[in-house]
N, C-alpha and C. Protein backbone atom coordinates (compact mmCIF):
# COMPACT_ATOMS: atom_id res chain seq x y z
N UNK A 1 0.86 -1.21 0.00
CA UNK A 1 0.00 0.00 0.00
C UNK A 1 0.88 1.24 0.00
N UNK A 2 0.90 1.90 -1.12
CA UNK A 2 1.70 3.14 -1.20
C UNK A 2 0.84 4.33 -0.79
N UNK A 3 1.38 5.11 0.09
CA UNK A 3 0.64 6.31 0.51
C UNK A 3 1.58 7.50 0.44
N UNK A 4 1.09 8.59 -0.10
CA UNK A 4 1.95 9.77 -0.22
C UNK A 4 2.15 10.40 1.14
N UNK A 5 3.27 11.10 1.28
CA UNK A 5 3.60 11.70 2.57
C UNK A 5 2.58 12.77 2.95
N UNK A 6 2.12 13.52 1.96
CA UNK A 6 1.15 14.58 2.23
C UNK A 6 -0.13 14.03 2.82
N UNK A 7 -0.58 12.90 2.26
CA UNK A 7 -1.81 12.28 2.73
C UNK A 7 -1.73 11.93 4.21
N UNK A 8 -0.69 11.22 4.57
CA UNK A 8 -0.57 10.76 5.95
C UNK A 8 -0.41 11.96 6.89
N UNK A 9 0.25 13.00 6.40
CA UNK A 9 0.45 14.18 7.22
C UNK A 9 -0.89 14.85 7.52
N UNK A 10 -1.70 14.99 6.48
CA UNK A 10 -3.02 15.60 6.65
C UNK A 10 -3.86 14.78 7.62
N UNK A 11 -3.84 13.47 7.41
CA UNK A 11 -4.60 12.58 8.29
C UNK A 11 -4.16 12.75 9.74
N UNK A 12 -2.84 12.81 9.91
CA UNK A 12 -2.28 12.95 11.25
C UNK A 12 -2.75 14.25 11.89
N UNK A 13 -2.67 15.33 11.14
CA UNK A 13 -3.07 16.64 11.68
C UNK A 13 -4.55 16.65 12.03
N UNK A 14 -5.36 16.09 11.15
CA UNK A 14 -6.81 16.05 11.41
C UNK A 14 -7.11 15.27 12.68
N UNK A 15 -6.51 14.08 12.77
CA UNK A 15 -6.74 13.25 13.96
C UNK A 15 -6.26 13.95 15.22
N UNK A 16 -5.09 14.59 15.12
CA UNK A 16 -4.52 15.26 16.28
C UNK A 16 -5.43 16.37 16.76
N UNK A 17 -5.96 17.13 15.79
CA UNK A 17 -6.86 18.24 16.13
C UNK A 17 -8.13 17.73 16.80
N UNK A 18 -8.70 16.70 16.20
CA UNK A 18 -9.93 16.13 16.77
C UNK A 18 -9.69 15.62 18.18
N UNK A 19 -8.59 14.89 18.33
CA UNK A 19 -8.29 14.32 19.63
C UNK A 19 -8.09 15.42 20.67
N UNK A 20 -7.41 16.47 20.26
CA UNK A 20 -7.15 17.59 21.16
C UNK A 20 -8.46 18.21 21.62
N UNK A 21 -9.38 18.40 20.65
CA UNK A 21 -10.67 19.01 20.99
C UNK A 21 -11.42 18.15 21.98
N UNK A 22 -11.43 16.85 21.72
CA UNK A 22 -12.14 15.92 22.60
C UNK A 22 -11.55 15.95 24.00
N UNK A 23 -10.21 15.95 24.07
CA UNK A 23 -9.54 15.97 25.36
C UNK A 23 -9.89 17.24 26.12
N UNK A 24 -9.87 18.37 25.42
CA UNK A 24 -10.19 19.65 26.06
C UNK A 24 -11.63 19.65 26.56
N UNK A 25 -12.54 19.16 25.70
CA UNK A 25 -13.95 19.12 26.09
C UNK A 25 -14.15 18.23 27.31
N UNK A 26 -13.58 17.05 27.25
CA UNK A 26 -13.71 16.11 28.37
C UNK A 26 -13.10 16.70 29.63
N UNK A 27 -11.95 17.34 29.47
CA UNK A 27 -11.28 17.94 30.62
C UNK A 27 -12.14 18.99 31.28
N UNK A 28 -12.72 19.87 30.47
CA UNK A 28 -13.58 20.91 31.00
C UNK A 28 -14.78 20.31 31.72
N UNK A 29 -15.40 19.33 31.05
CA UNK A 29 -16.59 18.70 31.60
C UNK A 29 -16.27 18.02 32.93
N UNK A 30 -15.14 17.30 32.93
CA UNK A 30 -14.80 16.54 34.13
C UNK A 30 -14.51 17.46 35.30
N UNK A 31 -13.76 18.53 35.05
CA UNK A 31 -13.42 19.43 36.15
C UNK A 31 -14.68 20.08 36.71
N UNK A 32 -15.63 20.42 35.83
CA UNK A 32 -16.89 20.99 36.29
C UNK A 32 -17.65 19.98 37.13
N UNK A 33 -17.68 18.74 36.65
CA UNK A 33 -18.39 17.68 37.34
C UNK A 33 -17.81 17.45 38.73
N UNK A 34 -16.48 17.36 38.78
CA UNK A 34 -15.79 17.12 40.05
C UNK A 34 -16.11 18.25 41.02
N UNK A 35 -16.08 19.48 40.50
CA UNK A 35 -16.36 20.63 41.35
C UNK A 35 -17.77 20.56 41.89
N UNK A 36 -18.71 20.20 41.03
CA UNK A 36 -20.12 20.10 41.43
C UNK A 36 -20.28 19.09 42.55
N UNK A 37 -19.74 17.89 42.30
CA UNK A 37 -19.86 16.80 43.27
C UNK A 37 -19.24 17.20 44.60
N UNK A 38 -18.08 17.85 44.50
CA UNK A 38 -17.37 18.27 45.71
C UNK A 38 -18.22 19.25 46.51
N UNK A 39 -18.75 20.24 45.81
CA UNK A 39 -19.58 21.25 46.48
C UNK A 39 -20.83 20.62 47.08
N UNK A 40 -21.42 19.69 46.30
CA UNK A 40 -22.64 19.04 46.74
C UNK A 40 -22.39 18.24 48.01
N UNK A 41 -21.24 17.55 48.04
CA UNK A 41 -20.89 16.77 49.22
C UNK A 41 -20.70 17.67 50.43
N UNK A 42 -20.01 18.78 50.22
CA UNK A 42 -19.80 19.72 51.31
C UNK A 42 -21.14 20.20 51.84
N UNK A 43 -22.05 20.48 50.90
CA UNK A 43 -23.37 20.99 51.27
C UNK A 43 -24.12 19.94 52.07
N UNK A 44 -24.06 18.69 51.59
CA UNK A 44 -24.77 17.60 52.27
C UNK A 44 -24.25 17.42 53.69
N UNK A 45 -22.92 17.55 53.82
CA UNK A 45 -22.32 17.31 55.13
C UNK A 45 -22.63 18.46 56.09
N UNK A 46 -23.05 19.58 55.50
CA UNK A 46 -23.40 20.70 56.34
C UNK A 46 -22.20 21.57 56.69
N UNK A 47 -21.08 21.30 56.04
CA UNK A 47 -19.90 22.12 56.30
C UNK A 47 -19.81 23.18 55.23
N UNK A 48 -19.66 24.40 55.64
CA UNK A 48 -19.49 25.46 54.64
C UNK A 48 -18.28 26.31 55.00
N UNK A 49 -17.18 25.61 55.27
CA UNK A 49 -15.96 26.33 55.62
C UNK A 49 -15.34 27.01 54.42
N UNK A 50 -15.80 26.62 53.22
CA UNK A 50 -15.30 27.30 52.02
C UNK A 50 -15.91 28.70 51.95
N UNK A 51 -17.12 28.81 52.46
CA UNK A 51 -17.78 30.11 52.45
C UNK A 51 -19.25 29.96 52.12
N UNK A 52 -20.00 31.02 52.34
CA UNK A 52 -21.44 30.95 52.08
C UNK A 52 -21.74 31.01 50.59
N UNK A 53 -20.73 31.39 49.79
CA UNK A 53 -20.92 31.51 48.35
C UNK A 53 -21.21 30.18 47.68
N UNK A 54 -20.73 29.11 48.29
CA UNK A 54 -20.89 27.78 47.68
C UNK A 54 -22.37 27.42 47.55
N UNK A 55 -23.13 27.71 48.56
CA UNK A 55 -24.54 27.34 48.55
C UNK A 55 -25.28 28.09 47.45
N UNK A 56 -24.88 29.31 47.19
CA UNK A 56 -25.57 30.12 46.20
C UNK A 56 -25.26 29.70 44.77
N UNK A 57 -24.14 28.97 44.57
CA UNK A 57 -23.72 28.63 43.23
C UNK A 57 -24.40 27.39 42.69
N UNK A 58 -24.91 26.55 43.57
CA UNK A 58 -25.52 25.30 43.12
C UNK A 58 -27.01 25.52 42.85
N UNK A 59 -27.42 25.21 41.63
CA UNK A 59 -28.83 25.44 41.26
C UNK A 59 -29.77 24.49 41.97
């Protein structure tokens, strides 16, 4: 199977870009999720040593 260098390069760049986007999206989502869960747990436990602002941020 002969493949030109340009072809594989384009494929590589496309895949890299897509993967990067997915990683960034997942990263953002995960950090938000972790923060939510963390705040929710604090709220459930009744500890608000982080501050009263935490309660106001959770919908």
